[in-house]
Amino acid sequence: MHRLDKYALSNGETGRWIPLKLRTVLAITLVMAIATGLVFWRLADLDLDRRASEPFDFVSSGEAISGTLWLPDEPPRTAVVFVHGDGPQDRTSAGEYRTREGPL
């Protein structure tokens, strides 16, 4: 047995010595696992398929505007609807808006 495999505790007992590199690797692995879990947990909020939605259409100055209002899971609250112009595209900009704007 290598002399660094055991170390003396303050109460006289011996314990296993964990090398600093191994402790560092274990700590980094634990942090990465927690971060990955949090990312996957939050990705569920970006899935719009399970949410209730209401399509809408209206005409203003001769231009037809249509869209989809995705409703929250919680009871209704006061909100501000932000409408901006990006030019012609589909309702979710081919899915990009879900990751860019997601849950505010």
C-alpha atoms as a PDB file:
ATOM      1  CA  MET A   1       0.000   0.000   0.000  1.00  0.00           C
ATOM      2  CA  HIS A   2       1.323   3.437  -0.889  1.00  0.00           C
ATOM      3  CA  ARG A   3       2.013   5.717   2.076  1.00  0.00           C
ATOM      4  CA  LEU A   4      -0.518   8.295   0.769  1.00  0.00           C
ATOM      5  CA  ASP A   5      -3.358   5.762   0.605  1.00  0.00           C
ATOM      6  CA  LYS A   6      -4.176   6.392   4.266  1.00  0.00           C
ATOM      7  CA  TYR A   7      -4.043   9.507   6.374  1.00  0.00           C
ATOM      8  CA  ALA A   8      -4.464  10.068  10.095  1.00  0.00           C
ATOM      9  CA  LEU A   9      -7.624  11.752  11.291  1.00  0.00           C
ATOM     10  CA  SER A  10      -7.575  14.100  14.277  1.00  0.00           C
ATOM     11  CA  ASN A  11      -9.160  11.406  16.482  1.00  0.00           C
ATOM     12  CA  GLY A  12      -6.372   8.922  15.688  1.00  0.00           C
ATOM     13  CA  GLU A  13      -8.362   6.803  13.219  1.00  0.00           C
ATOM     14  CA  THR A  14      -7.291   6.358   9.637  1.00  0.00           C
ATOM     15  CA  GLY A  15      -9.346   7.181   6.569  1.00  0.00           C
ATOM     16  CA  ARG A  16      -9.024   6.870   2.805  1.00  0.00           C
ATOM     17  CA  TRP A  17      -7.030   9.591   1.110  1.00  0.00           C
ATOM     18  CA  ILE A  18      -8.727  10.942  -2.008  1.00  0.00           C
ATOM     19  CA  PRO A  19      -6.254  12.553  -4.397  1.00  0.00           C
ATOM     20  CA  LEU A  20      -6.857  16.213  -5.217  1.00  0.00           C
ATOM     21  CA  LYS A  21      -7.213  15.478  -8.946  1.00  0.00           C
ATOM     22  CA  LEU A  22      -9.915  12.897  -8.266  1.00  0.00           C
ATOM     23  CA  ARG A  23     -11.797  15.285  -5.963  1.00  0.00           C
ATOM     24  CA  THR A  24     -11.592  17.992  -8.637  1.00  0.00           C
ATOM     25  CA  VAL A  25     -12.871  15.648 -11.338  1.00  0.00           C
ATOM     26  CA  LEU A  26     -15.718  14.461  -9.096  1.00  0.00           C
ATOM     27  CA  ALA A  27     -16.707  18.045  -8.218  1.00  0.00           C
ATOM     28  CA  ILE A  28     -16.687  19.128 -11.875  1.00  0.00           C
ATOM     29  CA  THR A  29     -18.696  16.044 -12.855  1.00  0.00           C
ATOM     30  CA  LEU A  30     -21.279  16.757 -10.160  1.00  0.00           C
ATOM     31  CA  VAL A  31     -21.625  20.412 -11.203  1.00  0.00           C
ATOM     32  CA  MET A  32     -21.983  19.440 -14.880  1.00  0.00           C
ATOM     33  CA  ALA A  33     -24.606  16.799 -14.036  1.00  0.00           C
ATOM     34  CA  ILE A  34     -26.648  19.328 -12.044  1.00  0.00           C
ATOM     35  CA  ALA A  35     -26.357  21.945 -14.819  1.00  0.00           C
ATOM     36  CA  THR A  36     -27.427  19.404 -17.452  1.00  0.00           C
ATOM     37  CA  GLY A  37     -30.409  18.384 -15.332  1.00  0.00           C
ATOM     38  CA  LEU A  38     -31.490  22.015 -14.953  1.00  0.00           C
ATOM     39  CA  VAL A  39     -31.242  22.607 -18.710  1.00  0.00           C
ATOM     40  CA  PHE A  40     -33.391  19.571 -19.526  1.00  0.00           C
ATOM     41  CA  TRP A  41     -35.890  20.520 -16.805  1.00  0.00           C
ATOM     42  CA  ARG A  42     -36.318  24.025 -18.303  1.00  0.00           C
ATOM     43  CA  LEU A  43     -36.588  22.718 -21.891  1.00  0.00           C
ATOM     44  CA  ALA A  44     -40.056  21.398 -21.053  1.00  0.00           C
ATOM     45  CA  ASP A  45     -41.244  25.014 -20.691  1.00  0.00           C
ATOM     46  CA  LEU A  46     -40.332  25.678 -24.321  1.00  0.00           C
ATOM     47  CA  ASP A  47     -42.564  22.898 -25.679  1.00  0.00           C
ATOM     48  CA  LEU A  48     -45.613  24.662 -27.100  1.00  0.00           C
ATOM     49  CA  ASP A  49     -47.385  21.508 -28.328  1.00  0.00           C
ATOM     50  CA  ARG A  50     -48.873  20.746 -24.904  1.00  0.00           C
ATOM     51  CA  ARG A  51     -50.100  24.312 -24.319  1.00  0.00           C
ATOM     52  CA  ALA A  52     -53.588  25.616 -25.042  1.00  0.00           C
ATOM     53  CA  SER A  53     -53.583  28.050 -27.957  1.00  0.00           C
ATOM     54  CA  GLU A  54     -55.950  30.392 -29.751  1.00  0.00           C
ATOM     55  CA  PRO A  55     -55.413  31.373 -33.375  1.00  0.00           C
ATOM     56  CA  PHE A  56     -56.408  34.913 -34.351  1.00  0.00           C
ATOM     57  CA  ASP A  57     -56.796  36.862 -37.595  1.00  0.00           C
ATOM     58  CA  PHE A  58     -57.607  40.489 -38.299  1.00  0.00           C
ATOM     59  CA  VAL A  59     -57.237  43.041 -41.078  1.00  0.00           C
ATOM     60  CA  SER A  60     -55.638  46.450 -40.529  1.00  0.00           C
ATOM     61  CA  SER A  61     -55.136  48.994 -43.320  1.00  0.00           C
ATOM     62  CA  GLY A  62     -55.875  46.317 -45.882  1.00  0.00           C
ATOM     63  CA  GLU A  63     -53.222  43.954 -44.511  1.00  0.00           C
ATOM     64  CA  ALA A  64     -54.237  40.622 -42.993  1.00  0.00           C
ATOM     65  CA  ILE A  65     -52.488  39.734 -39.753  1.00  0.00           C
ATOM     66  CA  SER A  66     -52.731  36.286 -38.229  1.00  0.00           C
ATOM     67  CA  GLY A  67     -51.042  34.576 -35.353  1.00  0.00           C
ATOM     68  CA  THR A  68     -51.372  32.243 -32.421  1.00  0.00           C
ATOM     69  CA  LEU A  69     -51.801  33.173 -28.786  1.00  0.00           C
ATOM     70  CA  TRP A  70     -50.353  30.454 -26.550  1.00  0.00           C
ATOM     71  CA  LEU A  71     -52.058  30.492 -23.183  1.00  0.00           C
ATOM     72  CA  PRO A  72     -50.187  29.943 -19.909  1.00  0.00           C
ATOM     73  CA  ASP A  73     -50.842  26.991 -17.626  1.00  0.00           C
ATOM     74  CA  GLU A  74     -51.558  29.316 -14.687  1.00  0.00           C
ATOM     75  CA  PRO A  75     -54.720  31.413 -14.183  1.00  0.00           C
ATOM     76  CA  PRO A  76     -55.001  34.583 -16.320  1.00  0.00           C
ATOM     77  CA  ARG A  77     -52.986  37.659 -15.330  1.00  0.00           C
ATOM     78  CA  THR A  78     -52.516  41.101 -16.751  1.00  0.00           C
ATOM     79  CA  ALA A  79     -50.011  41.021 -19.601  1.00  0.00           C
ATOM     80  CA  VAL A  80     -48.408  43.108 -22.295  1.00  0.00           C
ATOM     81  CA  VAL A  81     -48.457  41.686 -25.818  1.00  0.00           C
ATOM     82  CA  PHE A  82     -45.375  42.649 -27.805  1.00  0.00           C
ATOM     83  CA  VAL A  83     -45.878  42.582 -31.577  1.00  0.00           C
ATOM     84  CA  HIS A  84     -42.869  43.312 -33.722  1.00  0.00           C
ATOM     85  CA  GLY A  85     -42.162  43.092 -37.419  1.00  0.00           C
ATOM     86  CA  ASP A  86     -39.717  40.569 -38.817  1.00  0.00           C
ATOM     87  CA  GLY A  87     -41.161  40.256 -42.272  1.00  0.00           C
ATOM     88  CA  PRO A  88     -43.068  37.258 -43.575  1.00  0.00           C
ATOM     89  CA  GLN A  89     -42.535  34.017 -41.657  1.00  0.00           C
ATOM     90  CA  ASP A  90     -44.481  31.353 -39.825  1.00  0.00           C
ATOM     91  CA  ARG A  91     -45.848  31.686 -36.281  1.00  0.00           C
ATOM     92  CA  THR A  92     -42.775  30.362 -34.507  1.00  0.00           C
ATOM     93  CA  SER A  93     -40.101  31.432 -37.011  1.00  0.00           C
ATOM     94  CA  ALA A  94     -39.525  27.741 -37.753  1.00  0.00           C
ATOM     95  CA  GLY A  95     -39.248  26.995 -34.020  1.00  0.00           C
ATOM     96  CA  GLU A  96     -36.558  29.598 -33.319  1.00  0.00           C
ATOM     97  CA  TYR A  97     -38.765  31.828 -31.137  1.00  0.00           C
ATOM     98  CA  ARG A  98     -39.270  29.025 -28.637  1.00  0.00           C
ATOM     99  CA  THR A  99     -35.603  28.958 -27.770  1.00  0.00           C
ATOM    100  CA  ARG A 100     -34.938  32.659 -28.124  1.00  0.00           C
ATOM    101  CA  GLU A 101     -37.861  34.111 -26.189  1.00  0.00           C
ATOM    102  CA  GLY A 102     -39.128  31.100 -24.240  1.00  0.00           C
ATOM    103  CA  PRO A 103     -40.589  31.721 -20.792  1.00  0.00           C
ATOM    104  CA  LEU A 104     -39.927  35.293 -19.789  1.00  0.00           C
END
